[in-house]
Structures are given as structure tokens and as C-alpha cells.
Amino acid sequence: MSQARQFKPSLILLDILLPDLDGLSVCEILRRQPSTKKIPIIFMSALSSEVTRRTVAMQADDFFTKPLDLERLRQRIAGLLQRELLS
């Protein structure tokens, strides 16, 4: 989170299962902070239940199940970055 605030990346790829704080909590914190709230976030996880997808959809820009479809991921990243350039 500190790196997101410091470097202000164009996009964040975030896993749900993290060692200290889960990705959903990280996303929630980033969305509350003015300096990071508009950064597009794509979740990726081995968890693929509908409940997980719906929860993620409320906070993130997209959700990918592992193993990742890299071409679809590349297309989605390009689309989100293009959207940010146009806004």
C-alpha cells in the first residue's frame, strides 16, 4: 500500500490471498485514500466461487481466476489503461 501511494502505478494486479493482509482489505484501503482510489485494480486468485467474484466486483475493475488467460489479461490491462488515458 505504501508503494502504491509513493509510486502511483497506472494499474495494480492484486492477489486475494496474501500473507499478512488479504487483497480485499488492501483494495478497500486503497479505494478509501484520495491518492490511490482511482488506480485500476485487477484481482487474480485461485478462488473462483461466485461469492468471491461478486465481492471483488464491488471493489475492483476485474477478476481473473488462476491459472491466468494471459492474452485476456493483456487485453483487459490495455483497455483499463486506455480508459484512464481518456478520462
Protein backbone atom coordinates (compact mmCIF):
# COMPACT_ATOMS: atom_id res chain seq x y z
CA MET A 1 0.00 0.00 0.00
CA SER A 2 2.84 2.36 0.76
CA GLN A 3 4.34 1.66 -2.66
CA ALA A 4 1.02 2.41 -4.34
CA ARG A 5 0.88 5.75 -2.53
CA GLN A 6 4.51 6.52 -3.30
CA PHE A 7 4.74 5.42 -6.95
CA LYS A 8 1.09 5.85 -8.05
CA PRO A 9 1.12 2.99 -10.57
CA SER A 10 -1.10 3.05 -13.63
CA LEU A 11 -2.66 -0.28 -12.62
CA ILE A 12 -2.44 -2.80 -9.78
CA LEU A 13 -2.57 -6.60 -10.13
CA LEU A 14 -3.62 -7.89 -6.73
CA ASP A 15 -3.96 -11.41 -5.40
CA ILE A 16 -6.69 -12.13 -2.86
CA LEU A 17 -4.59 -14.49 -0.77
CA LEU A 18 -1.69 -12.54 0.73
CA PRO A 19 0.41 -13.42 3.78
CA ASP A 20 -0.36 -10.51 6.11
CA LEU A 21 -3.47 -8.70 4.88
CA ASP A 22 -5.82 -10.17 2.29
CA GLY A 23 -6.16 -8.49 -1.09
CA LEU A 24 -9.78 -7.46 -0.46
CA SER A 25 -8.67 -5.45 2.58
CA VAL A 26 -5.78 -3.92 0.63
CA CYS A 27 -8.19 -2.91 -2.14
CA GLU A 28 -10.63 -1.41 0.35
CA ILE A 29 -7.87 0.67 1.93
CA LEU A 30 -6.58 1.84 -1.46
CA ARG A 31 -10.10 2.83 -2.54
CA ARG A 32 -10.55 5.00 0.57
CA GLN A 33 -7.39 7.03 0.00
CA PRO A 34 -7.62 10.02 -2.36
CA SER A 35 -4.19 9.39 -3.89
CA THR A 36 -4.95 5.76 -4.83
CA LYS A 37 -8.74 5.48 -5.15
CA LYS A 38 -8.79 5.82 -8.96
CA ILE A 39 -5.98 3.36 -9.74
CA PRO A 40 -7.48 0.42 -11.68
CA ILE A 41 -7.22 -2.85 -9.74
CA ILE A 42 -7.37 -6.32 -11.26
CA PHE A 43 -7.69 -9.21 -8.83
CA MET A 44 -6.31 -12.63 -9.55
CA SER A 45 -6.92 -15.68 -7.41
CA ALA A 46 -7.19 -19.43 -7.31
CA LEU A 47 -10.50 -18.80 -5.54
CA SER A 48 -13.21 -18.81 -8.16
CA SER A 49 -16.56 -19.02 -6.36
CA GLU A 50 -19.40 -16.74 -7.41
CA VAL A 51 -19.38 -15.13 -3.96
CA THR A 52 -15.70 -14.27 -4.37
CA ARG A 53 -16.30 -12.82 -7.83
CA ARG A 54 -19.21 -10.68 -6.63
CA THR A 55 -17.26 -9.41 -3.62
CA VAL A 56 -14.31 -8.50 -5.80
CA ALA A 57 -16.55 -6.86 -8.42
CA MET A 58 -17.76 -4.37 -5.84
CA GLN A 59 -14.26 -3.02 -5.32
CA ALA A 60 -12.11 -3.94 -8.30
CA ASP A 61 -12.12 -3.37 -12.04
CA ASP A 62 -11.81 -7.05 -12.95
CA PHE A 63 -11.21 -10.55 -11.62
CA PHE A 64 -9.15 -13.35 -13.16
CA THR A 65 -9.02 -16.94 -11.98
CA LYS A 66 -5.66 -18.69 -11.86
CA PRO A 67 -4.21 -20.08 -13.99
CA LEU A 68 -4.47 -16.83 -15.89
CA ASP A 69 -5.50 -16.46 -19.52
CA LEU A 70 -2.59 -14.17 -20.34
CA GLU A 71 -4.00 -12.88 -23.63
CA ARG A 72 -7.31 -11.93 -21.99
CA LEU A 73 -5.38 -10.33 -19.12
CA ARG A 74 -3.25 -8.30 -21.58
CA GLN A 75 -6.38 -7.13 -23.38
CA ARG A 76 -8.08 -6.10 -20.15
CA ILE A 77 -4.99 -4.24 -18.93
CA ALA A 78 -4.77 -2.40 -22.24
CA GLY A 79 -8.45 -1.48 -22.03
CA LEU A 80 -8.17 -0.18 -18.46
CA LEU A 81 -5.06 1.84 -19.26
CA GLN A 82 -6.75 3.30 -22.33
CA ARG A 83 -9.78 4.21 -20.23
CA GLU A 84 -7.52 6.01 -17.74
CA LEU A 85 -5.83 7.96 -20.53
CA LEU A 86 -9.18 9.12 -21.88
CA SER A 87 -10.59 10.19 -18.51
